[in-house]
N, C-alpha and C. Protein backbone atom coordinates (compact mmCIF):
# COMPACT_ATOMS: atom_id res chain seq x y z
N MET A 1 0.70 -1.31 0.24
CA MET A 1 0.07 0.09 -0.11
C MET A 1 0.80 1.25 -0.02
N CYS A 2 0.37 2.08 -0.80
CA CYS A 2 1.19 3.39 -0.89
C CYS A 2 0.57 4.89 -0.14
N LEU A 3 1.24 5.30 1.01
CA LEU A 3 0.30 6.18 1.37
C LEU A 3 0.83 7.58 0.73
N ASP A 4 -0.20 8.49 0.92
CA ASP A 4 0.17 9.82 0.42
C ASP A 4 0.81 10.59 1.41
N ALA A 5 2.11 10.99 1.57
CA ALA A 5 2.87 11.39 2.46
C ALA A 5 2.59 12.69 3.01
N THR A 6 1.61 13.29 1.89
CA THR A 6 1.36 14.88 2.25
C THR A 6 0.15 15.07 3.03
N LYS A 7 -0.43 13.60 3.17
CA LYS A 7 -1.55 13.30 3.86
C LYS A 7 -1.42 12.55 5.02
N ALA A 8 -0.11 11.96 5.20
CA ALA A 8 -0.30 11.09 6.43
C ALA A 8 0.39 11.84 7.70
N ARG A 9 0.22 11.28 8.60
CA ARG A 9 0.42 12.08 9.81
C ARG A 9 2.08 11.86 10.22
N HIS A 10 2.69 12.75 10.71
CA HIS A 10 4.02 12.91 10.87
C HIS A 10 4.51 12.84 12.29
N ASP A 11 4.21 11.59 13.01
CA ASP A 11 4.29 11.60 14.52
C ASP A 11 4.96 10.37 14.85
N GLU A 12 4.56 9.92 16.05
CA GLU A 12 5.26 8.65 16.32
C GLU A 12 3.85 7.39 16.17
N SER A 13 3.21 7.66 14.81
CA SER A 13 2.26 6.77 14.70
C SER A 13 2.60 5.65 13.51
N ALA A 14 4.04 5.95 13.45
CA ALA A 14 4.48 4.88 12.32
C ALA A 14 6.23 4.75 12.68
N LEU A 15 6.35 3.64 12.18
CA LEU A 15 7.84 3.14 12.40
C LEU A 15 8.45 2.65 10.72
N PHE A 16 9.67 3.15 10.60
CA PHE A 16 10.36 3.12 9.36
C PHE A 16 11.01 1.75 9.43
N VAL A 17 11.04 0.71 8.68
CA VAL A 17 11.89 -0.39 8.82
C VAL A 17 12.75 -0.64 7.80
N LYS A 18 13.86 -1.18 7.87
CA LYS A 18 15.12 -1.21 6.79
C LYS A 18 14.57 -1.82 5.58
N SER A 19 14.04 -3.05 5.94
CA SER A 19 13.65 -4.20 4.90
C SER A 19 12.21 -4.64 5.17
N ASP A 20 12.02 -5.49 4.40
CA ASP A 20 10.95 -6.38 4.46
C ASP A 20 10.71 -7.03 5.99
N SER A 21 9.89 -6.66 6.83
CA SER A 21 9.83 -7.28 7.90
C SER A 21 9.40 -8.60 8.21
N LEU A 22 8.48 -9.15 7.27
CA LEU A 22 7.85 -10.42 7.36
C LEU A 22 9.30 -11.58 7.04
N ALA A 23 10.19 -10.91 6.18
CA ALA A 23 11.10 -11.94 5.14
C ALA A 23 12.32 -11.69 6.19
N HIS A 24 12.85 -10.58 7.03
CA HIS A 24 13.91 -10.67 7.65
C HIS A 24 13.95 -10.46 9.22
N TYR A 25 12.52 -10.45 9.73
CA TYR A 25 12.83 -10.33 11.20
C TYR A 25 11.88 -11.36 11.89
N VAL A 26 11.04 -12.23 11.09
CA VAL A 26 10.20 -13.12 11.58
C VAL A 26 10.52 -14.51 11.21
N ASP A 27 10.54 -15.49 12.11
CA ASP A 27 10.78 -16.63 11.82
C ASP A 27 9.63 -17.43 11.36
N ASP A 28 9.97 -18.81 11.13
CA ASP A 28 8.94 -19.91 10.58
C ASP A 28 7.61 -20.15 11.64
N ARG A 29 8.07 -19.65 12.85
CA ARG A 29 7.02 -19.84 13.95
C ARG A 29 6.20 -18.41 14.22
N GLY A 30 6.71 -17.51 13.67
CA GLY A 30 6.01 -16.26 13.80
C GLY A 30 6.39 -15.38 14.85
N VAL A 31 7.76 -15.71 15.45
CA VAL A 31 8.39 -14.96 16.39
C VAL A 31 9.64 -13.84 15.63
N VAL A 32 9.09 -12.94 16.40
CA VAL A 32 9.98 -11.52 15.89
C VAL A 32 11.33 -11.55 16.47
N ALA A 33 12.43 -11.39 15.58
CA ALA A 33 13.77 -11.40 15.94
C ALA A 33 14.07 -9.83 16.50
N LEU A 34 13.54 -9.55 17.85
CA LEU A 34 13.78 -8.39 18.33
C LEU A 34 14.84 -7.68 18.16
N SER A 35 16.40 -8.46 18.61
CA SER A 35 17.40 -7.67 18.69
C SER A 35 17.81 -6.99 17.16
N SER A 36 17.53 -7.64 16.24
CA SER A 36 18.01 -7.19 14.92
C SER A 36 17.04 -6.23 14.49
N PHE A 37 15.67 -6.47 14.79
CA PHE A 37 14.47 -5.61 14.23
C PHE A 37 14.66 -4.26 15.06
N SER A 38 15.01 -4.44 16.53
CA SER A 38 15.25 -3.07 17.12
C SER A 38 15.81 -1.96 16.54
N SER A 39 17.34 -2.72 15.81
CA SER A 39 18.45 -1.84 15.31
C SER A 39 17.92 -1.43 13.97
N ASP A 40 17.06 -2.00 13.48
CA ASP A 40 16.58 -1.58 11.73
C ASP A 40 15.32 -0.84 11.80
N ILE A 41 15.08 -0.01 12.76
CA ILE A 41 13.62 0.53 12.83
C ILE A 41 14.27 2.21 12.90
N ALA A 42 12.99 2.95 12.65
CA ALA A 42 13.31 4.58 12.80
C ALA A 42 12.19 5.27 13.11
N PRO A 43 11.91 6.27 13.78
CA PRO A 43 10.87 7.17 13.66
C PRO A 43 10.76 8.10 12.61
N HIS A 44 9.41 8.60 12.25
CA HIS A 44 9.39 9.35 11.14
C HIS A 44 10.91 10.49 11.01
N ASN A 45 11.09 11.10 12.03
CA ASN A 45 12.07 12.23 11.84
C ASN A 45 13.40 11.60 11.71
N ASP A 46 13.57 10.29 11.50
CA ASP A 46 14.96 9.96 11.65
C ASP A 46 14.78 8.76 10.23
N ARG A 47 13.64 8.88 9.52
CA ARG A 47 13.49 7.89 8.26
C ARG A 47 14.72 8.14 7.34
N HIS A 48 14.99 9.53 7.20
CA HIS A 48 16.13 9.76 6.05
C HIS A 48 17.56 8.98 6.49
N LEU A 49 17.83 8.99 8.01
CA LEU A 49 18.94 8.38 8.38
C LEU A 49 18.93 7.02 8.26
N LEU A 50 17.50 6.32 8.49
CA LEU A 50 17.59 4.90 8.21
C LEU A 50 17.84 4.72 6.70
N ALA A 51 17.40 5.48 5.84
CA ALA A 51 17.86 4.95 4.32
C ALA A 51 19.15 5.45 4.04
N ALA A 52 19.83 6.62 4.72
CA ALA A 52 21.32 6.47 4.48
C ALA A 52 21.97 5.45 5.14
N VAL A 53 21.64 4.75 6.14
CA VAL A 53 22.42 3.55 6.76
C VAL A 53 22.01 2.49 5.70
N LYS A 54 20.98 2.14 5.34
CA LYS A 54 20.61 1.25 4.36
C LYS A 54 21.54 1.26 2.94
N HIS A 55 21.72 2.27 2.46
CA HIS A 55 22.21 2.59 1.38
C HIS A 55 23.65 3.08 1.13
N GLN A 56 24.23 2.72 2.32
CA GLN A 56 25.52 3.68 2.31
C GLN A 56 26.74 3.16 1.38
N ARG A 57 26.43 1.90 1.02
CA ARG A 57 27.66 1.20 0.14
C ARG A 57 27.03 1.74 -1.35
N THR A 58 25.62 2.03 -1.69
CA THR A 58 25.38 2.02 -3.04
C THR A 58 24.98 3.79 -3.50
N LEU A 59 24.83 4.25 -2.44
CA LEU A 59 24.36 5.75 -2.66
C LEU A 59 25.54 6.35 -3.52
N ALA A 60 26.74 6.44 -3.26
CA ALA A 60 27.59 7.33 -3.84
C ALA A 60 27.87 6.67 -5.27
N LEU A 61 27.29 5.68 -5.69
CA LEU A 61 27.39 5.08 -6.82
C LEU A 61 25.99 5.11 -8.04
N THR A 62 25.44 5.84 -7.17
CA THR A 62 23.84 5.96 -7.54
C THR A 62 23.73 7.60 -8.23
N THR A 63 23.04 7.79 -9.16
CA THR A 63 22.77 9.12 -9.55
C THR A 63 21.65 9.64 -8.86
N ASP A 64 21.70 10.95 -8.64
CA ASP A 64 20.55 11.29 -7.90
C ASP A 64 19.26 11.21 -8.42
N THR A 65 18.91 11.06 -9.72
CA THR A 65 17.72 10.72 -10.32
C THR A 65 17.25 9.16 -9.90
N SER A 66 18.23 8.45 -9.75
CA SER A 66 17.66 7.24 -9.53
C SER A 66 17.23 6.80 -7.92
N TRP A 67 17.73 7.80 -6.65
CA TRP A 67 17.71 7.42 -5.34
C TRP A 67 16.20 7.26 -5.13
N PRO A 68 15.16 7.82 -5.75
CA PRO A 68 13.64 7.29 -5.44
C PRO A 68 13.78 5.66 -5.28
N SER A 69 14.22 5.26 -6.66
CA SER A 69 14.01 3.69 -6.89
C SER A 69 14.69 3.04 -5.67
N LEU A 70 15.75 3.38 -4.94
CA LEU A 70 16.49 3.03 -3.94
C LEU A 70 15.26 2.84 -2.87
N LEU A 71 14.46 3.58 -2.57
CA LEU A 71 13.62 3.70 -1.27
C LEU A 71 12.29 2.85 -1.55
N CYS A 72 11.88 2.90 -2.83
CA CYS A 72 10.64 2.03 -3.20
C CYS A 72 10.88 1.47 -4.41
N SER A 73 11.17 0.31 -4.70
CA SER A 73 11.11 -0.44 -5.96
C SER A 73 10.27 -1.87 -5.83
N ASN A 74 10.14 -2.67 -6.86
CA ASN A 74 9.68 -4.09 -6.76
C ASN A 74 10.50 -4.78 -5.93
N SER A 75 11.82 -4.69 -5.92
CA SER A 75 12.62 -5.44 -5.34
C SER A 75 13.25 -5.11 -4.11
N ASP A 76 13.28 -3.67 -3.55
CA ASP A 76 13.58 -3.20 -2.69
C ASP A 76 12.98 -2.06 -2.09
N PHE A 77 12.66 -1.77 -0.72
CA PHE A 77 11.80 -0.68 -0.22
C PHE A 77 12.39 -0.52 1.30
N ILE A 78 11.78 0.51 1.82
CA ILE A 78 11.65 0.90 3.05
C ILE A 78 10.31 0.52 3.47
N GLU A 79 10.10 -0.07 4.49
CA GLU A 79 9.02 -0.58 5.05
C GLU A 79 8.53 0.61 6.04
N VAL A 80 7.01 0.63 6.18
CA VAL A 80 6.33 1.66 7.14
C VAL A 80 5.50 0.58 7.75
N LEU A 81 5.58 0.68 8.77
CA LEU A 81 4.66 -0.26 10.22
C LEU A 81 3.72 1.22 10.63
N LEU A 82 2.31 1.16 10.39
CA LEU A 82 1.56 2.09 10.74
C LEU A 82 0.90 1.52 12.13
N LEU A 83 0.91 2.40 13.24
CA LEU A 83 0.56 1.80 14.46
C LEU A 83 -0.99 2.08 14.55
N GLU A 84 -1.42 2.89 13.91
CA GLU A 84 -2.79 3.39 13.45
C GLU A 84 -3.41 3.00 12.23
N PRO A 85 -4.42 2.46 12.09
CA PRO A 85 -4.94 2.42 10.62
C PRO A 85 -5.03 3.85 9.94
N PRO A 86 -4.80 3.86 8.37
CA PRO A 86 -4.75 4.91 7.79
C PRO A 86 -5.95 5.13 7.53
N ARG A 87 -6.25 6.55 7.24
CA ARG A 87 -7.75 7.01 6.62
C ARG A 87 -7.63 6.74 5.38
N PRO A 88 -8.92 6.60 4.51
CA PRO A 88 -8.94 6.16 3.03
C PRO A 88 -8.34 7.39 2.18
N ASP A 89 -8.35 8.59 2.88
CA ASP A 89 -7.88 9.56 1.91
C ASP A 89 -6.41 9.78 2.03
N GLN A 90 -5.67 8.93 2.87
CA GLN A 90 -4.42 9.13 3.10
C GLN A 90 -3.64 7.94 2.16
N ILE A 91 -4.53 6.86 1.59
CA ILE A 91 -4.07 5.87 0.76
C ILE A 91 -4.01 6.42 -0.76
N ALA A 92 -2.92 6.35 -1.34
CA ALA A 92 -2.63 6.73 -2.70
C ALA A 92 -2.99 5.57 -3.63
N ASP A 93 -2.60 4.57 -2.96
CA ASP A 93 -2.50 3.20 -4.17
C ASP A 93 -2.28 1.90 -3.31
N VAL A 94 -2.94 0.95 -3.87
CA VAL A 94 -2.73 -0.32 -3.02
C VAL A 94 -2.10 -1.29 -4.13
N ARG A 95 -0.93 -1.89 -3.91
CA ARG A 95 -0.16 -2.69 -4.89
C ARG A 95 -0.33 -3.94 -4.56
N ILE A 96 -0.35 -4.78 -5.43
CA ILE A 96 -0.47 -6.27 -5.36
C ILE A 96 0.22 -6.92 -6.67
N ASN A 97 0.85 -8.20 -6.30
CA ASN A 97 1.81 -8.64 -7.80
C ASN A 97 0.87 -9.43 -8.51
N GLU A 98 0.98 -9.56 -9.52
CA GLU A 98 0.16 -10.12 -10.72
C GLU A 98 -0.43 -11.53 -10.38
N ASP A 99 0.51 -12.44 -9.71
CA ASP A 99 0.38 -13.71 -9.47
C ASP A 99 -0.68 -13.80 -8.39
N GLU A 100 -0.53 -13.08 -7.30
CA GLU A 100 -1.61 -13.11 -6.29
C GLU A 100 -3.12 -12.48 -6.72
N THR A 101 -2.98 -11.45 -7.57
CA THR A 101 -4.20 -10.98 -8.27
C THR A 101 -4.77 -12.12 -8.85
N GLN A 102 -4.17 -12.55 -9.86
CA GLN A 102 -4.90 -13.70 -10.70
C GLN A 102 -5.27 -15.00 -9.58
N ARG A 103 -4.60 -15.32 -8.63
CA ARG A 103 -5.08 -16.52 -7.70
C ARG A 103 -6.19 -15.88 -7.06
N PHE A 104 -6.27 -14.61 -6.59
CA PHE A 104 -7.35 -14.38 -5.49
C PHE A 104 -8.65 -14.17 -6.37
N ALA A 105 -8.66 -13.66 -7.96
CA ALA A 105 -9.57 -13.52 -8.61
C ALA A 105 -10.09 -14.59 -9.25
N ASP A 106 -9.34 -15.77 -9.22
CA ASP A 106 -9.69 -16.91 -9.59
C ASP A 106 -10.56 -17.92 -8.77
N LEU A 107 -9.98 -17.35 -7.29
CA LEU A 107 -10.77 -18.09 -6.00
C LEU A 107 -12.30 -17.24 -6.08
N ALA A 108 -12.53 -16.02 -6.22
CA ALA A 108 -13.60 -15.02 -5.98
C ALA A 108 -14.60 -15.16 -7.22
N PHE A 109 -13.87 -15.15 -8.52
CA PHE A 109 -14.85 -15.06 -9.51
C PHE A 109 -14.71 -16.23 -10.74
N GLY A 110 -13.86 -17.40 -10.43
CA GLY A 110 -13.59 -18.29 -11.12
C GLY A 110 -15.01 -19.54 -11.25
N ASP A 111 -14.77 -20.33 -11.33
CA ASP A 111 -15.69 -21.63 -11.49
C ASP A 111 -16.27 -21.58 -10.47
N PHE A 112 -17.78 -21.14 -10.54
CA PHE A 112 -18.63 -21.26 -9.31
C PHE A 112 -19.19 -22.86 -9.00
N SER A 113 -18.86 -23.76 -9.84
CA SER A 113 -19.45 -25.08 -9.68
C SER A 113 -18.52 -25.88 -8.93
N ARG A 114 -17.31 -25.62 -8.62
CA ARG A 114 -16.73 -26.03 -7.50
C ARG A 114 -16.59 -25.74 -6.29
N SER A 115 -16.40 -26.56 -5.46
CA SER A 115 -16.28 -26.22 -3.83
C SER A 115 -15.18 -25.69 -3.43
N LEU A 116 -15.13 -24.63 -2.56
CA LEU A 116 -13.89 -24.21 -2.07
C LEU A 116 -13.56 -24.61 -0.66
N ILE A 117 -12.38 -24.93 -0.25
CA ILE A 117 -12.03 -25.28 1.40
C ILE A 117 -12.35 -23.72 1.93
N ASP A 118 -12.80 -24.01 3.14
CA ASP A 118 -12.88 -22.75 4.19
C ASP A 118 -11.80 -21.81 3.79
N ALA A 119 -10.40 -22.17 3.72
CA ALA A 119 -9.53 -21.04 3.84
C ALA A 119 -9.69 -20.23 2.47
N ASP A 120 -9.66 -21.01 1.33
CA ASP A 120 -9.82 -20.38 0.03
C ASP A 120 -11.24 -19.63 0.01
N ARG A 121 -12.24 -20.00 0.54
CA ARG A 121 -13.55 -19.10 0.42
C ARG A 121 -13.39 -17.83 1.33
N ALA A 122 -12.53 -18.19 2.57
CA ALA A 122 -12.33 -16.77 3.34
C ALA A 122 -11.44 -15.79 2.62
N ILE A 123 -10.66 -16.64 1.72
CA ILE A 123 -9.55 -15.45 0.88
C ILE A 123 -10.49 -14.80 -0.13
N ALA A 124 -11.57 -15.64 -0.76
CA ALA A 124 -12.12 -15.07 -1.97
C ALA A 124 -13.06 -13.97 -1.28
N THR A 125 -13.78 -14.22 -0.29
CA THR A 125 -14.58 -13.41 0.54
C THR A 125 -13.89 -12.16 0.97
N ASP A 126 -12.52 -11.88 1.52
CA ASP A 126 -11.98 -10.94 1.76
C ASP A 126 -11.66 -10.01 0.35
N TYR A 127 -11.27 -10.86 -0.49
CA TYR A 127 -10.71 -10.23 -1.63
C TYR A 127 -11.85 -9.01 -2.37
N VAL A 128 -13.14 -9.77 -2.27
CA VAL A 128 -14.35 -9.16 -2.97
C VAL A 128 -14.40 -7.97 -1.91
N ALA A 129 -14.54 -8.20 -0.46
CA ALA A 129 -14.71 -7.02 0.57
C ALA A 129 -13.57 -6.14 0.31
N ILE A 130 -12.46 -6.36 -0.11
CA ILE A 130 -11.32 -5.19 -0.19
C ILE A 130 -11.58 -4.77 -1.23
N LEU A 131 -11.94 -5.11 -2.51
CA LEU A 131 -12.11 -4.51 -3.76
C LEU A 131 -13.14 -3.39 -3.51
N THR A 132 -14.33 -4.18 -2.95
CA THR A 132 -15.45 -3.10 -2.58
C THR A 132 -15.05 -1.74 -2.08
N LYS A 133 -14.10 -1.97 -0.93
CA LYS A 133 -13.86 -1.13 -0.02
C LYS A 133 -13.07 -0.07 -0.81
N LEU A 134 -12.00 -0.46 -1.25
CA LEU A 134 -11.01 0.30 -2.18
C LEU A 134 -12.00 1.08 -3.26
N ARG A 135 -12.85 0.46 -4.01
CA ARG A 135 -13.80 1.35 -4.94
C ARG A 135 -14.56 2.27 -4.31
N SER A 136 -15.27 1.90 -3.20
CA SER A 136 -16.05 3.06 -2.08
C SER A 136 -15.49 4.19 -2.00
N ASN A 137 -13.96 4.04 -1.73
CA ASN A 137 -13.18 5.05 -1.33
C ASN A 137 -12.20 5.77 -2.38
N SER A 138 -12.57 5.14 -3.66
CA SER A 138 -11.80 5.77 -4.65
C SER A 138 -10.27 5.57 -4.51
N VAL A 139 -9.76 4.50 -4.08
CA VAL A 139 -8.43 4.22 -4.03
C VAL A 139 -8.05 3.11 -5.02
N ARG A 140 -6.87 3.60 -5.73
CA ARG A 140 -6.52 2.81 -7.02
C ARG A 140 -5.85 1.58 -6.53
N LEU A 141 -6.38 0.44 -7.45
CA LEU A 141 -5.45 -0.73 -7.11
C LEU A 141 -4.70 -1.13 -8.13
N THR A 142 -3.57 -1.18 -7.92
CA THR A 142 -2.54 -1.61 -9.08
C THR A 142 -1.77 -2.76 -8.91
N THR A 143 -1.88 -3.39 -10.18
CA THR A 143 -0.99 -4.83 -10.00
C THR A 143 0.26 -4.75 -10.70
N CYS A 144 1.36 -5.14 -10.07
CA CYS A 144 2.56 -4.90 -10.20
C CYS A 144 3.13 -6.49 -10.84
N PRO A 145 4.08 -6.24 -11.82
CA PRO A 145 4.66 -7.65 -12.24
C PRO A 145 5.21 -8.54 -11.23
N SER A 146 5.02 -9.83 -11.10
CA SER A 146 5.74 -10.76 -10.24
C SER A 146 7.09 -11.00 -10.49
């Protein structure tokens, strides 16, 4: 999800994380590695320092015009953990990769003659509810290459 930074709150309601929190700080049992996680987060006021530390080796080799891609691209990003739910007017875009989009759409709108297991039925129901909520709040859904 992409938030419009001009409309987001700039206080302690968000934490900036150096990398993908689920991939790097949570193990297979769902336990968070607090020691490494706590050294890789920053509050809003220090987010620029976190980005500089993260990219210290590549920043000097990157042109100024390419800096935004260091902060947010399909392969790398600075994650933001919101401590409060965002308001719909703060959400600029919701992004989902095309493989997931296809999977969710097949579950929700595919062959209605087949029966779904409970987990798949829940995913299909949630997907339709999310699409409805996005549409009612005029939030764009963007499909990204997998």
